[in-house]
């Protein structure tokens, strides 16, 4: 977002508000970055809040009042951001607990739908690699994440998305076979 000039074509009262907010852009970003620990996340939060201000902040006429109002908006954005992060973390903890709690069934492992091998390469390469390493090779998510140079949380989110994509592909390709667990697979996947 460029702090050079207010948006062209805005009413004069809105130009004052936009100019006041843009004049404080570095302070806003610093405020956010200290609280989220990432410049990129801070910029995303700022841009979202700034766009919301342009859309809904028409009642603001005073530049300095707009700055105080914008700080309140940023605080609310931070609360929402931390809630989302917390919810993701809880979901990943449940996923990790479930993965460690499930006993390994050697016989079932040998009967996994043969279509899986055909459909795995249709996934995004990073997703396919995660599924292969974690689900097929039985490696721990934190170990795979460390080798890939990403956080365990990021790997958990990617693994979740990869499993969903693979599930959709299996349901599309195998139909009823996938619905009933692929224990007696006789289908050929349709791509």
N, C-alpha and C. Protein backbone atom coordinates (compact mmCIF):
# COMPACT_ATOMS: atom_id res chain seq x y z
N UNK A 1 0.85 -1.15 0.00
CA UNK A 1 0.00 0.00 0.00
C UNK A 1 0.90 1.23 0.00
N UNK A 2 0.65 2.14 -0.84
CA UNK A 2 1.50 3.32 -1.01
C UNK A 2 0.97 4.45 -0.15
N UNK A 3 1.83 5.07 0.64
CA UNK A 3 1.42 6.14 1.55
C UNK A 3 1.63 7.51 0.92
N UNK A 4 1.81 7.58 -0.37
CA UNK A 4 2.11 8.85 -1.04
C UNK A 4 0.92 9.80 -1.08
N UNK A 5 -0.23 9.33 -1.58
CA UNK A 5 -1.35 10.23 -1.78
C UNK A 5 -2.66 9.52 -1.52
N UNK A 6 -3.67 10.26 -1.07
CA UNK A 6 -4.98 9.66 -0.85
C UNK A 6 -5.57 9.19 -2.18
N UNK A 7 -6.57 8.34 -2.07
CA UNK A 7 -7.26 7.83 -3.24
C UNK A 7 -7.86 8.97 -4.05
N UNK A 8 -7.66 8.95 -5.34
CA UNK A 8 -8.22 9.97 -6.22
C UNK A 8 -9.71 9.77 -6.33
N UNK A 9 -10.46 10.87 -6.43
CA UNK A 9 -11.88 10.80 -6.64
C UNK A 9 -12.70 10.66 -5.37
N UNK A 10 -12.09 10.69 -4.20
CA UNK A 10 -12.84 10.61 -2.96
C UNK A 10 -13.43 11.98 -2.63
N UNK A 11 -14.55 12.01 -1.91
CA UNK A 11 -15.07 13.30 -1.46
C UNK A 11 -14.04 13.98 -0.56
N UNK A 12 -14.05 15.31 -0.49
CA UNK A 12 -13.04 16.04 0.29
C UNK A 12 -12.96 15.60 1.74
N UNK A 13 -14.08 15.30 2.39
CA UNK A 13 -14.03 14.88 3.79
C UNK A 13 -13.34 13.52 3.94
N UNK A 14 -13.49 12.65 2.97
CA UNK A 14 -12.84 11.34 2.99
C UNK A 14 -11.36 11.47 2.67
N UNK A 15 -10.99 12.43 1.82
CA UNK A 15 -9.57 12.62 1.50
C UNK A 15 -8.78 12.98 2.75
N UNK A 16 -9.36 13.79 3.63
CA UNK A 16 -8.69 14.14 4.88
C UNK A 16 -8.48 12.89 5.74
N UNK A 17 -9.49 12.05 5.81
CA UNK A 17 -9.39 10.82 6.60
C UNK A 17 -8.32 9.91 6.03
N UNK A 18 -8.35 9.68 4.73
CA UNK A 18 -7.37 8.80 4.08
C UNK A 18 -5.96 9.36 4.26
N UNK A 19 -5.81 10.67 4.08
CA UNK A 19 -4.49 11.29 4.23
C UNK A 19 -3.98 11.12 5.66
N UNK A 20 -4.86 11.30 6.65
CA UNK A 20 -4.45 11.14 8.06
C UNK A 20 -4.03 9.70 8.33
N UNK A 21 -4.78 8.75 7.80
CA UNK A 21 -4.44 7.34 8.03
C UNK A 21 -3.13 6.96 7.34
N UNK A 22 -2.95 7.44 6.12
CA UNK A 22 -1.72 7.12 5.39
C UNK A 22 -0.50 7.79 6.03
N UNK A 23 -0.70 8.94 6.62
CA UNK A 23 0.41 9.62 7.30
C UNK A 23 0.89 8.81 8.51
N UNK A 24 0.02 7.99 9.06
CA UNK A 24 0.37 7.17 10.23
C UNK A 24 0.63 5.71 9.86
N UNK A 25 0.76 5.41 8.59
CA UNK A 25 0.89 4.03 8.14
C UNK A 25 2.06 3.30 8.81
N UNK A 26 3.21 3.94 8.90
CA UNK A 26 4.37 3.26 9.52
C UNK A 26 4.10 2.94 10.98
N UNK A 27 3.44 3.84 11.68
CA UNK A 27 3.11 3.59 13.09
C UNK A 27 2.12 2.43 13.21
N UNK A 28 1.13 2.42 12.33
CA UNK A 28 0.15 1.33 12.34
C UNK A 28 0.85 -0.01 12.10
N UNK A 29 1.72 -0.05 11.10
CA UNK A 29 2.42 -1.30 10.78
C UNK A 29 3.32 -1.74 11.94
N UNK A 30 4.00 -0.78 12.55
CA UNK A 30 4.85 -1.10 13.70
C UNK A 30 4.01 -1.65 14.85
N UNK A 31 2.88 -1.02 15.09
CA UNK A 31 1.94 -1.46 16.14
C UNK A 31 1.51 -2.91 15.89
N UNK A 32 1.16 -3.22 14.66
CA UNK A 32 0.72 -4.58 14.32
C UNK A 32 1.86 -5.59 14.37
N UNK A 33 3.00 -5.20 13.81
CA UNK A 33 4.13 -6.12 13.74
C UNK A 33 4.60 -6.54 15.13
N UNK A 34 4.61 -5.61 16.08
CA UNK A 34 5.01 -5.96 17.45
C UNK A 34 4.07 -7.00 18.05
N UNK A 35 2.84 -7.02 17.61
CA UNK A 35 1.85 -7.92 18.20
C UNK A 35 1.71 -9.25 17.48
N UNK A 36 2.10 -9.30 16.20
CA UNK A 36 1.97 -10.57 15.46
C UNK A 36 3.32 -11.19 15.14
N UNK A 37 4.41 -10.41 15.24
CA UNK A 37 5.74 -10.95 15.02
C UNK A 37 6.12 -11.17 13.56
N UNK A 38 5.34 -10.62 12.65
CA UNK A 38 5.64 -10.82 11.23
C UNK A 38 5.24 -9.57 10.45
N UNK A 39 6.17 -9.08 9.66
CA UNK A 39 5.89 -7.89 8.84
C UNK A 39 4.80 -8.20 7.81
N UNK A 40 4.89 -9.38 7.20
CA UNK A 40 3.92 -9.75 6.16
C UNK A 40 2.50 -9.84 6.73
N UNK A 41 2.35 -10.46 7.90
CA UNK A 41 1.03 -10.57 8.53
C UNK A 41 0.54 -9.18 8.92
N UNK A 42 1.44 -8.35 9.44
CA UNK A 42 1.07 -6.98 9.81
C UNK A 42 0.57 -6.21 8.59
N UNK A 43 1.25 -6.36 7.46
CA UNK A 43 0.82 -5.66 6.25
C UNK A 43 -0.53 -6.16 5.77
N UNK A 44 -0.75 -7.46 5.86
CA UNK A 44 -2.05 -8.01 5.46
C UNK A 44 -3.17 -7.45 6.34
N UNK A 45 -2.94 -7.45 7.65
CA UNK A 45 -3.95 -6.92 8.57
C UNK A 45 -4.21 -5.44 8.30
N UNK A 46 -3.14 -4.66 8.07
CA UNK A 46 -3.30 -3.24 7.79
C UNK A 46 -4.11 -3.02 6.52
N UNK A 47 -3.75 -3.74 5.47
CA UNK A 47 -4.44 -3.55 4.19
C UNK A 47 -5.92 -3.93 4.29
N UNK A 48 -6.22 -4.99 5.01
CA UNK A 48 -7.62 -5.40 5.18
C UNK A 48 -8.39 -4.33 5.94
N UNK A 49 -7.79 -3.83 7.02
CA UNK A 49 -8.45 -2.79 7.82
C UNK A 49 -8.59 -1.50 7.02
N UNK A 50 -7.58 -1.15 6.24
CA UNK A 50 -7.63 0.08 5.45
C UNK A 50 -8.73 -0.02 4.38
N UNK A 51 -8.82 -1.18 3.74
CA UNK A 51 -9.88 -1.37 2.74
C UNK A 51 -11.24 -1.28 3.39
N UNK A 52 -11.40 -1.85 4.56
CA UNK A 52 -12.67 -1.78 5.29
C UNK A 52 -13.00 -0.33 5.63
N UNK A 53 -11.98 0.45 5.96
CA UNK A 53 -12.19 1.85 6.28
C UNK A 53 -12.69 2.61 5.05
N UNK A 54 -12.10 2.33 3.91
CA UNK A 54 -12.53 3.00 2.69
C UNK A 54 -13.97 2.63 2.33
N UNK A 55 -14.33 1.38 2.61
CA UNK A 55 -15.68 0.91 2.29
C UNK A 55 -16.72 1.45 3.27
N UNK A 56 -16.40 1.46 4.57
CA UNK A 56 -17.42 1.72 5.58
C UNK A 56 -17.17 2.93 6.46
N UNK A 57 -16.06 3.61 6.27
CA UNK A 57 -15.72 4.70 7.18
C UNK A 57 -16.20 6.06 6.72
N UNK A 58 -17.28 6.12 5.97
CA UNK A 58 -17.76 7.37 5.39
C UNK A 58 -18.18 8.41 6.40
N UNK A 59 -18.52 8.01 7.63
CA UNK A 59 -18.99 8.97 8.62
C UNK A 59 -17.85 9.73 9.28
N UNK A 60 -16.62 9.30 9.06
CA UNK A 60 -15.48 9.96 9.69
C UNK A 60 -15.12 11.22 8.91
N UNK A 61 -14.99 12.32 9.64
CA UNK A 61 -14.64 13.58 8.98
C UNK A 61 -13.35 14.18 9.53
N UNK A 62 -12.97 13.80 10.72
CA UNK A 62 -11.82 14.41 11.38
C UNK A 62 -10.62 13.49 11.26
N UNK A 63 -9.53 13.98 10.72
CA UNK A 63 -8.34 13.16 10.51
C UNK A 63 -7.80 12.52 11.77
N UNK A 64 -7.65 13.29 12.85
CA UNK A 64 -7.11 12.73 14.10
C UNK A 64 -8.09 11.75 14.74
N UNK A 65 -9.39 12.05 14.66
CA UNK A 65 -10.39 11.11 15.16
C UNK A 65 -10.34 9.81 14.38
N UNK A 66 -10.05 9.91 13.11
CA UNK A 66 -9.95 8.73 12.26
C UNK A 66 -8.77 7.85 12.69
N UNK A 67 -7.69 8.47 13.12
CA UNK A 67 -6.52 7.70 13.57
C UNK A 67 -6.87 6.89 14.81
N UNK A 68 -7.52 7.51 15.79
CA UNK A 68 -7.92 6.79 17.01
C UNK A 68 -8.90 5.67 16.66
N UNK A 69 -9.85 5.97 15.78
CA UNK A 69 -10.82 4.97 15.35
C UNK A 69 -10.11 3.81 14.64
N UNK A 70 -9.11 4.12 13.83
CA UNK A 70 -8.39 3.10 13.08
C UNK A 70 -7.59 2.19 14.03
N UNK A 71 -7.01 2.78 15.08
CA UNK A 71 -6.32 1.94 16.07
C UNK A 71 -7.30 0.95 16.71
N UNK A 72 -8.53 1.38 16.99
CA UNK A 72 -9.54 0.46 17.54
C UNK A 72 -9.84 -0.65 16.53
N UNK A 73 -9.94 -0.27 15.27
CA UNK A 73 -10.19 -1.25 14.21
C UNK A 73 -9.04 -2.26 14.14
N UNK A 74 -7.80 -1.77 14.26
CA UNK A 74 -6.64 -2.66 14.23
C UNK A 74 -6.62 -3.60 15.43
N UNK A 75 -7.01 -3.10 16.59
CA UNK A 75 -7.06 -3.96 17.79
C UNK A 75 -8.07 -5.09 17.58
N UNK A 76 -9.21 -4.74 17.00
CA UNK A 76 -10.22 -5.78 16.72
C UNK A 76 -9.69 -6.79 15.70
N UNK A 77 -8.97 -6.30 14.69
CA UNK A 77 -8.38 -7.20 13.69
C UNK A 77 -7.36 -8.13 14.35
N UNK A 78 -6.60 -7.62 15.31
CA UNK A 78 -5.64 -8.45 16.04
C UNK A 78 -6.34 -9.53 16.85
N UNK A 79 -7.41 -9.18 17.51
CA UNK A 79 -8.17 -10.17 18.29
C UNK A 79 -8.68 -11.27 17.37
N UNK A 80 -9.25 -10.89 16.24
CA UNK A 80 -9.74 -11.89 15.27
C UNK A 80 -8.60 -12.77 14.77
N UNK A 81 -7.46 -12.15 14.47
CA UNK A 81 -6.29 -12.89 13.98
C UNK A 81 -5.84 -13.92 15.02
N UNK A 82 -5.73 -13.51 16.27
CA UNK A 82 -5.27 -14.43 17.32
C UNK A 82 -6.29 -15.53 17.58
N UNK A 83 -7.57 -15.22 17.45
CA UNK A 83 -8.59 -16.26 17.60
C UNK A 83 -8.45 -17.31 16.51
N UNK A 84 -8.24 -16.86 15.27
CA UNK A 84 -8.06 -17.80 14.17
C UNK A 84 -6.83 -18.67 14.40
N UNK A 85 -5.73 -18.04 14.84
CA UNK A 85 -4.49 -18.79 15.09
C UNK A 85 -4.72 -19.83 16.19
N UNK A 86 -5.43 -19.45 17.22
CA UNK A 86 -5.70 -20.35 18.33
C UNK A 86 -6.56 -21.52 17.88
N UNK A 87 -7.58 -21.25 17.08
CA UNK A 87 -8.45 -22.31 16.58
C UNK A 87 -7.67 -23.28 15.69
N UNK A 88 -6.79 -22.76 14.83
CA UNK A 88 -5.97 -23.62 13.99
C UNK A 88 -5.06 -24.49 14.84
N UNK A 89 -4.48 -23.90 15.87
CA UNK A 89 -3.59 -24.65 16.76
C UNK A 89 -4.32 -25.79 17.46
N UNK A 90 -5.55 -25.51 17.93
CA UNK A 90 -6.32 -26.56 18.59
C UNK A 90 -6.67 -27.68 17.62
N UNK A 91 -7.03 -27.34 16.39
CA UNK A 91 -7.36 -28.35 15.39
C UNK A 91 -6.14 -29.23 15.08
N UNK A 92 -4.98 -28.61 15.02
CA UNK A 92 -3.76 -29.38 14.73
C UNK A 92 -3.40 -30.29 15.90
N UNK A 93 -3.63 -29.83 17.14
CA UNK A 93 -3.36 -30.67 18.30
C UNK A 93 -4.26 -31.91 18.29
N UNK A 94 -5.54 -31.72 17.95
CA UNK A 94 -6.46 -32.85 17.87
C UNK A 94 -6.01 -33.82 16.78
N UNK A 95 -5.62 -33.28 15.64
CA UNK A 95 -5.13 -34.10 14.52
C UNK A 95 -3.90 -34.90 14.96
N UNK A 96 -2.98 -34.26 15.66
CA UNK A 96 -1.76 -34.94 16.11
C UNK A 96 -2.09 -36.03 17.12
N UNK A 97 -3.00 -35.73 18.06
CA UNK A 97 -3.40 -36.74 19.05
C UNK A 97 -4.04 -37.94 18.37
N UNK A 98 -4.94 -37.67 17.42
CA UNK A 98 -5.61 -38.76 16.71
C UNK A 98 -4.61 -39.61 15.93
N UNK A 99 -3.64 -38.96 15.32
CA UNK A 99 -2.65 -39.69 14.53
C UNK A 99 -1.81 -40.61 15.40
N UNK A 100 -1.47 -40.14 16.62
CA UNK A 100 -0.65 -40.95 17.52
C UNK A 100 -1.47 -42.02 18.24
N UNK A 101 -2.77 -41.78 18.42
CA UNK A 101 -3.61 -42.71 19.17
C UNK A 101 -4.07 -43.89 18.33
N UNK A 102 -4.14 -43.73 17.02
CA UNK A 102 -4.65 -44.81 16.16
C UNK A 102 -3.64 -45.95 16.09
N UNK A 103 -4.08 -47.16 16.45
CA UNK A 103 -3.16 -48.30 16.36
C UNK A 103 -2.93 -48.65 14.89
N UNK A 104 -1.74 -49.12 14.60
CA UNK A 104 -1.40 -49.47 13.22
C UNK A 104 -1.94 -50.86 12.90
N UNK A 105 -2.67 -50.96 11.83
CA UNK A 105 -3.23 -52.22 11.38
C UNK A 105 -2.45 -52.66 10.14
N UNK A 106 -1.53 -53.59 10.33
CA UNK A 106 -0.63 -54.01 9.26
C UNK A 106 -1.42 -54.62 8.10
N UNK A 107 -2.44 -55.41 8.41
CA UNK A 107 -3.24 -56.05 7.36
C UNK A 107 -3.99 -55.00 6.54
N UNK A 108 -4.56 -54.02 7.22
CA UNK A 108 -5.31 -52.96 6.53
C UNK A 108 -4.38 -52.13 5.65
N UNK A 109 -3.16 -51.91 6.13
CA UNK A 109 -2.20 -51.11 5.37
C UNK A 109 -1.90 -51.74 4.01
N UNK A 110 -1.93 -53.05 3.94
CA UNK A 110 -1.66 -53.74 2.69
C UNK A 110 -2.84 -53.74 1.73
N UNK A 111 -4.03 -53.37 2.23
CA UNK A 111 -5.23 -53.43 1.41
C UNK A 111 -5.71 -52.03 1.03
N UNK A 112 -4.93 -51.02 1.32
CA UNK A 112 -5.34 -49.65 1.00
C UNK A 112 -5.63 -49.55 -0.49
N UNK A 113 -6.64 -48.80 -0.79
CA UNK A 113 -7.10 -48.65 -2.17
C UNK A 113 -5.93 -48.43 -3.12
N UNK A 114 -5.85 -49.25 -4.13
CA UNK A 114 -4.78 -49.13 -5.11
C UNK A 114 -4.88 -47.83 -5.91
N UNK A 115 -6.07 -47.25 -5.91
CA UNK A 115 -6.28 -45.99 -6.63
C UNK A 115 -5.46 -44.86 -6.00
N UNK A 116 -5.16 -45.01 -4.73
CA UNK A 116 -4.40 -43.97 -4.03
C UNK A 116 -3.07 -43.70 -4.74
N UNK A 117 -2.40 -44.77 -5.13
CA UNK A 117 -1.11 -44.61 -5.81
C UNK A 117 -1.27 -43.87 -7.13
N UNK A 118 -2.40 -44.08 -7.81
CA UNK A 118 -2.64 -43.39 -9.08
C UNK A 118 -3.04 -41.94 -8.88
N UNK A 119 -3.75 -41.66 -7.78
CA UNK A 119 -4.27 -40.30 -7.57
C UNK A 119 -3.29 -39.39 -6.83
N UNK A 120 -2.39 -39.94 -6.07
CA UNK A 120 -1.44 -39.12 -5.31
C UNK A 120 -0.66 -38.15 -6.21
N UNK A 121 -0.18 -38.56 -7.37
CA UNK A 121 0.55 -37.62 -8.22
C UNK A 121 -0.31 -36.49 -8.80
N UNK A 122 -1.64 -36.62 -8.71
CA UNK A 122 -2.51 -35.55 -9.23
C UNK A 122 -2.61 -34.39 -8.25
N UNK A 123 -2.16 -34.60 -7.01
CA UNK A 123 -2.16 -33.53 -6.02
C UNK A 123 -1.00 -32.57 -6.28
N UNK A 124 -1.09 -31.40 -5.67
CA UNK A 124 0.02 -30.46 -5.68
C UNK A 124 1.24 -31.22 -5.14
N UNK A 125 2.42 -31.09 -5.76
CA UNK A 125 3.58 -31.90 -5.35
C UNK A 125 3.90 -31.83 -3.84
N UNK A 126 3.82 -30.65 -3.24
CA UNK A 126 4.13 -30.56 -1.81
C UNK A 126 3.10 -31.31 -0.98
N UNK A 127 1.83 -31.30 -1.41
CA UNK A 127 0.78 -32.04 -0.71
C UNK A 127 1.00 -33.55 -0.85
N UNK A 128 1.30 -33.98 -2.07
CA UNK A 128 1.52 -35.40 -2.32
C UNK A 128 2.68 -35.92 -1.47
N UNK A 129 3.73 -35.12 -1.37
CA UNK A 129 4.91 -35.53 -0.59
C UNK A 129 4.56 -35.65 0.90
N UNK A 130 3.77 -34.72 1.41
CA UNK A 130 3.35 -34.80 2.82
C UNK A 130 2.53 -36.06 3.07
N UNK A 131 1.56 -36.33 2.23
CA UNK A 131 0.72 -37.52 2.41
C UNK A 131 1.60 -38.77 2.33
N UNK A 132 2.49 -38.81 1.37
CA UNK A 132 3.36 -39.98 1.22
C UNK A 132 4.18 -40.21 2.48
N UNK A 133 4.84 -39.14 2.95
CA UNK A 133 5.73 -39.29 4.10
C UNK A 133 4.99 -39.55 5.41
N UNK A 134 3.91 -38.81 5.65
CA UNK A 134 3.21 -38.93 6.94
C UNK A 134 2.26 -40.12 6.96
N UNK A 135 1.39 -40.23 5.96
CA UNK A 135 0.37 -41.27 5.98
C UNK A 135 0.84 -42.62 5.48
N UNK A 136 1.68 -42.63 4.47
CA UNK A 136 2.11 -43.91 3.91
C UNK A 136 3.38 -44.44 4.55
N UNK A 137 4.31 -43.54 4.89
CA UNK A 137 5.56 -43.98 5.51
C UNK A 137 5.51 -43.92 7.04
N UNK A 138 4.49 -43.26 7.59
CA UNK A 138 4.32 -43.21 9.03
C UNK A 138 5.25 -42.26 9.76
N UNK A 139 5.80 -41.28 9.07
CA UNK A 139 6.71 -40.33 9.71
C UNK A 139 5.93 -39.28 10.49
N UNK A 140 6.54 -38.70 11.49
CA UNK A 140 5.91 -37.68 12.32
C UNK A 140 5.87 -36.34 11.58
N UNK A 141 4.77 -35.61 11.75
CA UNK A 141 4.60 -34.31 11.08
C UNK A 141 5.73 -33.34 11.43
N UNK A 142 6.12 -33.21 12.72
CA UNK A 142 7.21 -32.26 13.02
C UNK A 142 8.53 -32.60 12.32
N UNK A 143 8.81 -33.89 12.17
CA UNK A 143 10.05 -34.30 11.48
C UNK A 143 10.00 -33.93 10.01
N UNK A 144 8.87 -34.19 9.37
CA UNK A 144 8.71 -33.88 7.95
C UNK A 144 8.76 -32.36 7.76
N UNK A 145 8.12 -31.62 8.67
CA UNK A 145 8.11 -30.15 8.58
C UNK A 145 9.52 -29.59 8.69
N UNK A 146 10.28 -30.11 9.63
CA UNK A 146 11.65 -29.62 9.82
C UNK A 146 12.48 -29.81 8.56
N UNK A 147 12.35 -30.99 7.94
CA UNK A 147 13.10 -31.27 6.71
C UNK A 147 12.66 -30.37 5.56
N UNK A 148 11.37 -30.02 5.54
CA UNK A 148 10.84 -29.17 4.46
C UNK A 148 11.10 -27.68 4.72
N UNK A 149 11.57 -27.37 5.92
CA UNK A 149 11.86 -25.97 6.26
C UNK A 149 10.62 -25.16 6.57
N UNK A 150 9.56 -25.82 7.09
CA UNK A 150 8.34 -25.12 7.47
C UNK A 150 8.00 -25.48 8.91
N UNK A 151 7.08 -24.74 9.51
CA UNK A 151 6.68 -25.03 10.89
C UNK A 151 5.79 -26.27 10.92
N UNK A 152 5.72 -26.89 12.08
CA UNK A 152 4.86 -28.07 12.24
C UNK A 152 3.39 -27.68 12.03
N UNK A 153 3.00 -26.49 12.49
CA UNK A 153 1.62 -26.02 12.28
C UNK A 153 1.33 -25.89 10.80
N UNK A 154 2.26 -25.29 10.05
CA UNK A 154 2.08 -25.13 8.62
C UNK A 154 1.96 -26.49 7.95
N UNK A 155 2.81 -27.42 8.34
CA UNK A 155 2.76 -28.77 7.77
C UNK A 155 1.43 -29.44 8.10
N UNK A 156 0.94 -29.24 9.31
CA UNK A 156 -0.34 -29.82 9.70
C UNK A 156 -1.49 -29.28 8.86
N UNK A 157 -1.46 -27.98 8.61
CA UNK A 157 -2.50 -27.37 7.77
C UNK A 157 -2.41 -27.91 6.35
N UNK A 158 -1.19 -27.98 5.81
CA UNK A 158 -1.02 -28.51 4.46
C UNK A 158 -1.46 -29.97 4.37
N UNK A 159 -1.14 -30.75 5.40
CA UNK A 159 -1.53 -32.15 5.41
C UNK A 159 -3.05 -32.28 5.43
N UNK A 160 -3.69 -31.45 6.22
CA UNK A 160 -5.16 -31.47 6.28
C UNK A 160 -5.75 -31.15 4.90
N UNK A 161 -5.23 -30.12 4.26
CA UNK A 161 -5.72 -29.74 2.92
C UNK A 161 -5.43 -30.83 1.90
N UNK A 162 -4.26 -31.45 2.02
CA UNK A 162 -3.90 -32.53 1.10
C UNK A 162 -4.85 -33.71 1.25
N UNK A 163 -5.16 -34.06 2.49
CA UNK A 163 -6.08 -35.17 2.73
C UNK A 163 -7.47 -34.88 2.18
N UNK A 164 -7.92 -33.63 2.35
CA UNK A 164 -9.23 -33.26 1.80
C UNK A 164 -9.24 -33.37 0.27
N UNK A 165 -8.17 -32.87 -0.36
CA UNK A 165 -8.08 -32.94 -1.82
C UNK A 165 -8.03 -34.40 -2.28
N UNK A 166 -7.28 -35.22 -1.57
CA UNK A 166 -7.17 -36.63 -1.93
C UNK A 166 -8.51 -37.34 -1.74
N UNK A 167 -9.20 -37.00 -0.67
CA UNK A 167 -10.52 -37.58 -0.41
C UNK A 167 -11.49 -37.25 -1.55
N UNK A 168 -11.49 -35.99 -1.97
CA UNK A 168 -12.37 -35.59 -3.08
C UNK A 168 -12.01 -36.35 -4.36
N UNK A 169 -10.72 -36.49 -4.62
CA UNK A 169 -10.29 -37.23 -5.81
C UNK A 169 -10.72 -38.69 -5.74
N UNK A 170 -10.57 -39.30 -4.58
CA UNK A 170 -10.97 -40.70 -4.42
C UNK A 170 -12.48 -40.86 -4.59
N UNK A 171 -13.25 -39.94 -4.00
CA UNK A 171 -14.71 -40.03 -4.13
C UNK A 171 -15.13 -39.85 -5.58
N UNK A 172 -14.47 -38.92 -6.29
CA UNK A 172 -14.78 -38.69 -7.70
C UNK A 172 -14.40 -39.91 -8.54
N UNK A 173 -13.22 -40.44 -8.26
CA UNK A 173 -12.70 -41.51 -9.09
C UNK A 173 -13.22 -42.89 -8.75
N UNK A 174 -13.48 -43.14 -7.47
CA UNK A 174 -13.85 -44.48 -7.05
C UNK A 174 -15.32 -44.62 -6.69
N UNK A 175 -16.00 -43.53 -6.50
CA UNK A 175 -17.44 -43.57 -6.20
C UNK A 175 -17.75 -44.36 -4.95
N UNK A 176 -18.63 -45.37 -5.08
CA UNK A 176 -19.11 -46.14 -3.94
C UNK A 176 -17.98 -46.89 -3.25
N UNK A 177 -16.99 -47.30 -4.01
CA UNK A 177 -15.86 -48.02 -3.43
C UNK A 177 -15.20 -47.18 -2.33
N UNK A 178 -14.99 -45.89 -2.61
CA UNK A 178 -14.34 -45.00 -1.63
C UNK A 178 -15.24 -44.76 -0.43
N UNK A 179 -16.54 -44.70 -0.66
CA UNK A 179 -17.49 -44.46 0.42
C UNK A 179 -17.46 -45.59 1.44
N UNK A 180 -17.20 -46.80 0.98
CA UNK A 180 -17.22 -47.96 1.87
C UNK A 180 -15.83 -48.37 2.32
N UNK A 181 -14.86 -47.50 2.19
CA UNK A 181 -13.55 -47.74 2.76
C UNK A 181 -12.50 -48.31 1.85
N UNK A 182 -12.80 -48.58 0.62
CA UNK A 182 -11.82 -49.09 -0.35
C UNK A 182 -11.17 -50.39 0.12
N UNK A 183 -11.88 -51.20 0.88
CA UNK A 183 -11.26 -52.42 1.40
C UNK A 183 -11.19 -53.52 0.36
N UNK A 184 -12.05 -53.46 -0.62
CA UNK A 184 -12.02 -54.45 -1.69
C UNK A 184 -12.04 -53.70 -3.01
N UNK A 185 -10.97 -53.01 -3.29
CA UNK A 185 -10.91 -52.10 -4.42
C UNK A 185 -10.82 -52.88 -5.73
N UNK A 186 -11.76 -52.57 -6.61
CA UNK A 186 -11.72 -53.17 -7.93
C UNK A 186 -11.93 -52.12 -9.00
N UNK A 187 -11.94 -50.86 -8.60
CA UNK A 187 -12.21 -49.79 -9.56
C UNK A 187 -10.91 -49.26 -10.15
N UNK A 188 -11.06 -48.55 -11.20
CA UNK A 188 -9.94 -47.83 -11.80
C UNK A 188 -10.31 -46.36 -11.73
N UNK A 189 -9.45 -45.53 -11.18
CA UNK A 189 -9.81 -44.13 -11.01
C UNK A 189 -10.04 -43.42 -12.33
N UNK A 190 -11.05 -42.51 -12.30
CA UNK A 190 -11.31 -41.65 -13.46
C UNK A 190 -10.70 -40.29 -13.14
N UNK A 191 -9.91 -39.77 -14.04
CA UNK A 191 -9.26 -38.48 -13.78
C UNK A 191 -9.95 -37.38 -14.50
